C-alpha atoms as a PDB file:
ATOM      1  CA  MET A   1      94.898 -49.620 178.286  1.00  0.00           C
ATOM      2  CA  ALA A   2      95.632 -46.792 180.697  1.00  0.00           C
ATOM      3  CA  LYS A   3      98.660 -45.634 182.557  1.00  0.00           C
ATOM      4  CA  ILE A   4      98.365 -45.984 186.328  1.00  0.00           C
ATOM      5  CA  LEU A   5     100.771 -44.668 188.938  1.00  0.00           C
ATOM      6  CA  ILE A   6     100.684 -46.250 192.401  1.00  0.00           C
ATOM      7  CA  VAL A   7     102.190 -44.139 195.243  1.00  0.00           C
ATOM      8  CA  ASP A   8     102.412 -45.933 198.642  1.00  0.00           C
ATOM      9  CA  ASP A   9     105.293 -46.358 201.052  1.00  0.00           C
ATOM     10  CA  GLN A  10     104.137 -49.952 201.888  1.00  0.00           C
ATOM     11  CA  LEU A  11     105.734 -52.473 199.529  1.00  0.00           C
ATOM     12  CA  GLY A  12     102.916 -54.922 199.990  1.00  0.00           C
ATOM     13  CA  VAL A  13     100.235 -52.417 198.861  1.00  0.00           C
ATOM     14  CA  ARG A  14     102.305 -51.314 195.968  1.00  0.00           C
ATOM     15  CA  ARG A  15     102.906 -54.892 194.722  1.00  0.00           C
ATOM     16  CA  LEU A  16      99.235 -55.909 195.151  1.00  0.00           C
ATOM     17  CA  LEU A  17      97.972 -52.951 193.188  1.00  0.00           C
ATOM     18  CA  PHE A  18     100.794 -53.307 190.569  1.00  0.00           C
ATOM     19  CA  GLU A  19      99.852 -56.914 189.955  1.00  0.00           C
ATOM     20  CA  THR A  20      96.140 -56.247 189.989  1.00  0.00           C
ATOM     21  CA  PHE A  21      96.233 -53.544 187.330  1.00  0.00           C
ATOM     22  CA  ARG A  22      98.897 -55.263 185.231  1.00  0.00           C
ATOM     23  CA  GLU A  23      96.431 -58.181 184.934  1.00  0.00           C
ATOM     24  CA  GLU A  24      93.915 -55.680 183.689  1.00  0.00           C
ATOM     25  CA  GLN A  25      96.397 -54.900 180.844  1.00  0.00           C
ATOM     26  CA  HIS A  26      97.235 -51.430 182.141  1.00  0.00           C
ATOM     27  CA  GLU A  27     100.773 -49.867 182.106  1.00  0.00           C
ATOM     28  CA  VAL A  28     101.646 -49.414 185.786  1.00  0.00           C
ATOM     29  CA  GLU A  29     104.533 -47.683 187.537  1.00  0.00           C
ATOM     30  CA  MET A  30     105.148 -47.467 191.303  1.00  0.00           C
ATOM     31  CA  ALA A  31     106.548 -44.685 193.567  1.00  0.00           C
ATOM     32  CA  VAL A  32     107.502 -45.210 197.155  1.00  0.00           C
ATOM     33  CA  ASN A  33     106.894 -41.593 198.136  1.00  0.00           C
ATOM     34  CA  GLY A  34     105.674 -38.225 197.034  1.00  0.00           C
ATOM     35  CA  GLU A  35     109.014 -37.005 195.641  1.00  0.00           C
ATOM     36  CA  GLU A  36     109.268 -40.037 193.451  1.00  0.00           C
ATOM     37  CA  ALA A  37     105.676 -39.672 192.307  1.00  0.00           C
ATOM     38  CA  VAL A  38     106.255 -36.079 191.213  1.00  0.00           C
ATOM     39  CA  LEU A  39     109.326 -37.171 189.155  1.00  0.00           C
ATOM     40  CA  LEU A  40     107.434 -40.070 187.524  1.00  0.00           C
ATOM     41  CA  LEU A  41     104.462 -37.808 186.786  1.00  0.00           C
ATOM     42  CA  LYS A  42     106.722 -35.857 184.248  1.00  0.00           C
ATOM     43  CA  SER A  43     108.121 -38.906 182.466  1.00  0.00           C
ATOM     44  CA  PHE A  44     105.266 -41.530 182.770  1.00  0.00           C
ATOM     45  CA  GLN A  45     102.295 -39.054 182.425  1.00  0.00           C
ATOM     46  CA  PRO A  46      99.650 -41.314 184.094  1.00  0.00           C
ATOM     47  CA  ASP A  47      95.920 -41.322 183.381  1.00  0.00           C
ATOM     48  CA  LEU A  48      95.225 -42.191 187.023  1.00  0.00           C
ATOM     49  CA  ILE A  49      97.109 -42.022 190.289  1.00  0.00           C
ATOM     50  CA  LEU A  50      96.324 -44.232 193.289  1.00  0.00           C
ATOM     51  CA  MET A  51      98.080 -42.486 196.236  1.00  0.00           C
ATOM     52  CA  ASP A  52      98.437 -43.132 200.007  1.00  0.00           C
ATOM     53  CA  MET A  53      97.622 -40.158 202.246  1.00  0.00           C
ATOM     54  CA  LYS A  54     100.207 -40.904 204.953  1.00  0.00           C
ATOM     55  CA  MET A  55     103.774 -41.286 203.649  1.00  0.00           C
ATOM     56  CA  PRO A  56     107.197 -40.222 205.039  1.00  0.00           C
ATOM     57  CA  GLY A  57     108.494 -36.939 203.654  1.00  0.00           C
ATOM     58  CA  MET A  58     105.727 -35.317 201.594  1.00  0.00           C
ATOM     59  CA  ASN A  59     102.328 -36.519 202.637  1.00  0.00           C
ATOM     60  CA  GLY A  60      99.484 -37.235 200.204  1.00  0.00           C
ATOM     61  CA  ILE A  61      98.160 -33.647 200.408  1.00  0.00           C
ATOM     62  CA  GLU A  62     101.559 -32.003 199.779  1.00  0.00           C
ATOM     63  CA  THR A  63     102.207 -34.456 196.898  1.00  0.00           C
ATOM     64  CA  LEU A  64      98.748 -33.751 195.481  1.00  0.00           C
ATOM     65  CA  ARG A  65      99.479 -29.966 195.578  1.00  0.00           C
ATOM     66  CA  GLN A  66     102.671 -30.503 193.545  1.00  0.00           C
ATOM     67  CA  ILE A  67     100.987 -32.879 191.079  1.00  0.00           C
ATOM     68  CA  ARG A  68      98.241 -30.314 190.518  1.00  0.00           C
ATOM     69  CA  GLY A  69     100.862 -27.715 189.897  1.00  0.00           C
ATOM     70  CA  LEU A  70     102.183 -29.853 187.051  1.00  0.00           C
ATOM     71  CA  ASP A  71      98.966 -31.552 185.850  1.00  0.00           C
ATOM     72  CA  SER A  72      95.488 -30.277 186.791  1.00  0.00           C
ATOM     73  CA  GLU A  73      93.716 -32.920 184.853  1.00  0.00           C
ATOM     74  CA  VAL A  74      95.197 -36.253 186.052  1.00  0.00           C
ATOM     75  CA  GLY A  75      92.669 -38.410 188.065  1.00  0.00           C
ATOM     76  CA  VAL A  76      93.657 -39.244 191.629  1.00  0.00           C
ATOM     77  CA  ILE A  77      92.275 -41.724 194.056  1.00  0.00           C
ATOM     78  CA  MET A  78      93.430 -41.036 197.606  1.00  0.00           C
ATOM     79  CA  MET A  79      93.852 -43.971 199.956  1.00  0.00           C
ATOM     80  CA  THR A  80      94.146 -43.699 203.732  1.00  0.00           C
ATOM     81  CA  ALA A  81      93.831 -45.721 206.925  1.00  0.00           C
ATOM     82  CA  TYR A  82      93.216 -42.493 208.780  1.00  0.00           C
ATOM     83  CA  GLY A  83      89.863 -40.831 208.297  1.00  0.00           C
ATOM     84  CA  ASP A  84      91.122 -37.255 208.932  1.00  0.00           C
ATOM     85  CA  ALA A  85      88.242 -34.957 208.025  1.00  0.00           C
ATOM     86  CA  GLN A  86      90.526 -31.961 207.392  1.00  0.00           C
ATOM     87  CA  ASN A  87      92.799 -33.984 205.018  1.00  0.00           C
ATOM     88  CA  MET A  88      89.711 -35.403 203.207  1.00  0.00           C
ATOM     89  CA  GLU A  89      88.420 -31.855 202.737  1.00  0.00           C
ATOM     90  CA  GLN A  90      91.693 -30.592 201.313  1.00  0.00           C
ATOM     91  CA  ALA A  91      92.010 -33.598 199.032  1.00  0.00           C
ATOM     92  CA  LYS A  92      88.500 -32.850 197.643  1.00  0.00           C
ATOM     93  CA  GLU A  93      89.381 -29.215 197.119  1.00  0.00           C
ATOM     94  CA  LEU A  94      92.351 -30.463 195.183  1.00  0.00           C
ATOM     95  CA  GLY A  95      90.142 -32.417 192.888  1.00  0.00           C
ATOM     96  CA  ILE A  96      90.483 -35.997 193.807  1.00  0.00           C
ATOM     97  CA  LEU A  97      88.018 -38.403 192.182  1.00  0.00           C
ATOM     98  CA  HIS A  98      87.542 -40.825 195.133  1.00  0.00           C
ATOM     99  CA  TYR A  99      88.639 -41.307 198.728  1.00  0.00           C
ATOM    100  CA  LEU A 100      89.279 -44.840 199.734  1.00  0.00           C
ATOM    101  CA  GLY A 101      89.758 -46.164 203.287  1.00  0.00           C
ATOM    102  CA  LYS A 102      92.296 -48.815 204.116  1.00  0.00           C
ATOM    103  CA  PRO A 103      92.023 -51.699 204.291  1.00  0.00           C
ATOM    104  CA  PHE A 104      90.149 -51.583 201.028  1.00  0.00           C
ATOM    105  CA  ASP A 105      88.199 -54.181 199.038  1.00  0.00           C
ATOM    106  CA  LEU A 106      90.309 -54.931 196.060  1.00  0.00           C
ATOM    107  CA  PHE A 107      87.402 -55.885 193.866  1.00  0.00           C
ATOM    108  CA  GLU A 108      85.625 -52.632 194.682  1.00  0.00           C
ATOM    109  CA  LEU A 109      88.810 -50.635 193.880  1.00  0.00           C
ATOM    110  CA  ARG A 110      89.191 -52.448 190.611  1.00  0.00           C
ATOM    111  CA  ASP A 111      85.587 -51.759 189.577  1.00  0.00           C
ATOM    112  CA  ARG A 112      85.976 -48.030 190.630  1.00  0.00           C
ATOM    113  CA  VAL A 113      89.177 -47.761 188.550  1.00  0.00           C
ATOM    114  CA  ARG A 114      87.399 -49.354 185.559  1.00  0.00           C
ATOM    115  CA  GLU A 115      84.528 -46.910 185.929  1.00  0.00           C
ATOM    116  CA  ILE A 116      86.855 -43.976 186.079  1.00  0.00           C
ATOM    117  CA  LEU A 117      89.010 -44.991 183.166  1.00  0.00           C
ATOM    118  CA  THR A 118      85.937 -45.574 181.028  1.00  0.00           C
ATOM    119  CA  ASN A 119      84.994 -41.904 181.481  1.00  0.00           C
ATOM    120  CA  VAL A 120      88.474 -40.501 180.840  1.00  0.00           C
END
């Protein structure tokens, strides 16, 4: 069982991913924005973070920079509906494991998460 942090400003996406990974027997926490994610990182100490790129306040890149300042090892999957090449490049430089376009295939995401957590 792993700890997974879901960071997305859309309630529907958060709930869907929460339920999916709880069914997989993982411990799951949710954050509505980057600020909340950074706070949860300290107390929850996730093994994997699934994070939206476009959020109000701190976007995914800004949040990822802060996360990397606190934890350089935690795995991150970045999700976005906007295929911005500059943001994708920055996210890769900050060490994300995977970049996922929205809308995403839930089964594909679940398989990718299993694969990542098997190698942690």
